[in-house]
Amino acid sequence: MANDPKTLNDLFLDTLKDIYYAEKQILKALPKMAKAATAPELKQAFEKHRDETEMHVERLTDVFEIVGKAPRGKTCDAILGIIEEGKSIIEEFEGSPALDAGLLASAQAVEHYEISRYGTLKAWAQQLGMANAAKLLDQTLTEEMKTDQTLSQLAESKINKQAQAKAA
């Protein structure tokens, strides 16, 4: 029946489809960000995260298997908006010393979205008694947090200074 009340299980699956779609979009965006970045360290960070993102998609496929569903994405407007913002920065700040700082901020917006989603999914998987799924989601959550930290360190140690110094 269409009127059956939705459950936490339904919400879990919905959110899983959301992050699966998001990760696929991120896979497409990262090479463009790497190409646009001027600082070698930032290029490298984007390339490394692209490889990790491929692993995240594989893990999500495993989580879908655990819940007995085929891996399928569901359009995620949030990630599309964040990626669109990144594209605007590339267009508007091309050739500007602030470009890398903008790209980095964009990448962190992506990370924070992912951290939020993976944290939620992990908690729900635990609540639903899916220990294996929770473990896989936690591995990805840890990697996303590490990437966010790397980006913060890069911003504070170098990228933000370069953006300001050259513009002055």
Protein backbone atom coordinates (compact mmCIF):
# COMPACT_ATOMS: atom_id res chain seq x y z
CA MET A 1 0.00 0.00 0.00
CA ALA A 2 1.17 3.49 -0.83
CA ASN A 3 0.11 4.74 2.59
CA ASP A 4 2.42 2.47 4.56
CA PRO A 5 4.33 4.61 7.04
CA LYS A 6 7.94 5.16 6.03
CA THR A 7 10.58 3.68 8.31
CA LEU A 8 14.16 4.46 9.31
CA ASN A 9 15.10 1.69 6.91
CA ASP A 10 13.47 3.61 4.03
CA LEU A 11 15.24 6.78 5.10
CA PHE A 12 18.56 4.91 5.25
CA LEU A 13 18.10 3.57 1.72
CA ASP A 14 17.02 6.98 0.41
CA THR A 15 20.08 8.66 1.90
CA LEU A 16 22.32 5.87 0.61
CA LYS A 17 21.04 6.55 -2.92
CA ASP A 18 21.62 10.27 -2.35
CA ILE A 19 25.29 9.88 -1.36
CA TYR A 20 25.86 7.30 -4.12
CA TYR A 21 24.66 9.85 -6.67
CA ALA A 22 26.72 12.57 -4.97
CA GLU A 23 29.93 10.52 -5.07
CA LYS A 24 29.42 9.84 -8.79
CA GLN A 25 29.02 13.59 -9.42
CA ILE A 26 32.11 14.33 -7.32
CA LEU A 27 34.08 11.82 -9.43
CA LYS A 28 33.23 13.89 -12.51
CA ALA A 29 34.00 17.24 -10.85
CA LEU A 30 37.37 16.47 -9.24
CA PRO A 31 39.41 16.20 -12.49
CA LYS A 32 38.05 19.61 -13.56
CA MET A 33 39.01 21.09 -10.20
CA ALA A 34 42.48 19.54 -10.41
CA LYS A 35 42.91 20.97 -13.91
CA ALA A 36 41.84 24.45 -12.77
CA ALA A 37 44.04 24.50 -9.65
CA THR A 38 47.39 26.28 -9.99
CA ALA A 39 49.15 25.15 -6.79
CA PRO A 40 50.76 21.71 -7.33
CA GLU A 41 49.79 20.65 -3.78
CA LEU A 42 46.14 21.47 -4.44
CA LYS A 43 46.18 19.62 -7.78
CA GLN A 44 47.67 16.65 -5.97
CA ALA A 45 45.06 16.78 -3.18
CA PHE A 46 42.24 16.75 -5.76
CA GLU A 47 43.81 13.85 -7.67
CA LYS A 48 44.32 11.85 -4.47
CA HIS A 49 40.72 12.49 -3.45
CA ARG A 50 39.52 11.33 -6.86
CA ASP A 51 41.18 7.94 -6.27
CA GLU A 52 39.66 7.77 -2.79
CA THR A 53 36.24 8.65 -4.18
CA GLU A 54 36.40 5.63 -6.51
CA MET A 55 36.96 3.52 -3.39
CA HIS A 56 34.01 5.24 -1.68
CA VAL A 57 31.73 4.30 -4.59
CA GLU A 58 32.90 0.68 -4.29
CA ARG A 59 32.19 0.67 -0.56
CA LEU A 60 28.72 2.10 -1.16
CA THR A 61 28.11 -0.71 -3.66
CA ASP A 62 28.99 -3.14 -0.86
CA VAL A 63 26.55 -1.40 1.49
CA PHE A 64 23.79 -1.72 -1.14
CA GLU A 65 24.62 -5.45 -1.31
CA ILE A 66 24.33 -5.75 2.47
CA VAL A 67 20.81 -4.25 2.35
CA GLY A 68 19.92 -6.43 -0.65
CA LYS A 69 19.42 -3.61 -3.14
CA ALA A 70 21.00 -2.76 -6.47
CA PRO A 71 23.28 0.31 -6.27
CA ARG A 72 21.21 3.20 -7.58
CA GLY A 73 21.56 6.91 -7.25
CA LYS A 74 18.86 9.42 -6.51
CA THR A 75 19.35 12.98 -7.75
CA CYS A 76 20.95 15.01 -5.00
CA ASP A 77 20.21 18.71 -5.49
CA ALA A 78 22.54 19.69 -2.64
CA ILE A 79 25.66 18.28 -4.28
CA LEU A 80 24.65 19.64 -7.68
CA GLY A 81 24.42 23.10 -6.11
CA ILE A 82 27.79 22.81 -4.40
CA ILE A 83 29.45 21.59 -7.62
CA GLU A 84 27.76 24.36 -9.63
CA GLU A 85 29.20 26.88 -7.16
CA GLY A 86 32.65 25.40 -7.79
CA LYS A 87 32.20 25.81 -11.55
CA SER A 88 31.26 29.47 -11.06
CA ILE A 89 34.44 30.05 -9.05
CA ILE A 90 36.52 28.51 -11.85
CA GLU A 91 34.85 30.82 -14.40
CA GLU A 92 34.83 34.00 -12.32
CA PHE A 93 38.29 33.72 -10.77
CA GLU A 94 40.26 32.22 -13.67
CA GLY A 95 43.70 33.85 -13.75
CA SER A 96 43.15 35.36 -10.29
CA PRO A 97 45.50 34.66 -7.37
CA ALA A 98 42.35 33.89 -5.35
CA LEU A 99 41.31 31.00 -7.64
CA ASP A 100 42.97 28.26 -5.57
CA ALA A 101 41.49 29.61 -2.34
CA GLY A 102 38.04 29.51 -3.96
CA LEU A 103 38.55 25.99 -5.29
CA LEU A 104 39.73 24.83 -1.90
CA ALA A 105 36.70 26.36 -0.19
CA SER A 106 34.48 24.63 -2.74
CA ALA A 107 36.15 21.29 -2.10
CA GLN A 108 35.60 21.73 1.63
CA ALA A 109 31.91 22.42 1.09
CA VAL A 110 31.78 19.06 -0.71
CA GLU A 111 33.68 17.38 2.15
CA HIS A 112 31.38 18.81 4.80
CA TYR A 113 28.34 17.57 2.90
CA GLU A 114 29.88 14.09 2.66
CA ILE A 115 30.91 14.07 6.33
CA SER A 116 27.34 14.96 7.30
CA ARG A 117 25.85 12.21 5.10
CA TYR A 118 28.30 9.46 6.11
CA GLY A 119 27.97 10.33 9.80
CA THR A 120 24.19 10.06 9.57
CA LEU A 121 24.27 6.82 7.56
CA LYS A 122 26.73 5.24 9.99
CA ALA A 123 24.50 6.14 12.98
CA TRP A 124 21.40 4.78 11.24
CA ALA A 125 23.20 1.58 10.17
CA GLN A 126 24.18 1.03 13.82
CA GLN A 127 20.61 1.75 14.93
CA LEU A 128 19.28 -0.73 12.36
CA GLY A 129 21.72 -3.43 13.49
CA MET A 130 23.77 -3.38 10.27
CA ALA A 131 27.23 -3.63 11.83
CA ASN A 132 29.00 -4.44 8.53
CA ALA A 133 27.41 -1.49 6.75
CA ALA A 134 28.26 0.79 9.70
CA LYS A 135 31.90 -0.34 9.51
CA LEU A 136 32.15 0.43 5.78
CA LEU A 137 30.47 3.82 6.21
CA ASP A 138 32.81 4.62 9.10
CA GLN A 139 35.88 3.87 6.96
CA THR A 140 34.70 6.39 4.38
CA LEU A 141 33.71 8.91 7.05
CA THR A 142 37.25 8.74 8.48
CA GLU A 143 38.77 9.32 5.02
CA GLU A 144 36.46 12.28 4.31
CA MET A 145 37.44 13.85 7.65
CA LYS A 146 41.12 13.33 6.85
CA THR A 147 40.70 14.99 3.44
CA ASP A 148 38.94 17.93 5.08
CA GLN A 149 41.85 18.27 7.53
CA THR A 150 44.40 18.12 4.70
CA LEU A 151 42.53 20.87 2.85
CA SER A 152 42.37 23.04 5.99
CA GLN A 153 46.12 22.67 6.54
CA LEU A 154 46.78 23.52 2.90
CA ALA A 155 44.57 26.61 3.13
CA GLU A 156 46.14 27.86 6.35
CA SER A 157 49.76 27.09 5.49
CA LYS A 158 49.84 28.30 1.91
CA ILE A 159 46.82 28.81 -0.33
CA ASN A 160 45.10 31.65 1.55
CA LYS A 161 48.39 33.55 1.95
CA GLN A 162 49.10 33.25 -1.77
CA ALA A 163 45.61 34.49 -2.62
CA GLN A 164 46.14 37.58 -0.49
CA ALA A 165 49.82 38.28 -1.19
CA LYS A 166 49.56 38.34 -4.99
CA ALA A 167 46.42 40.49 -4.90
CA ALA A 168 47.99 43.14 -2.65
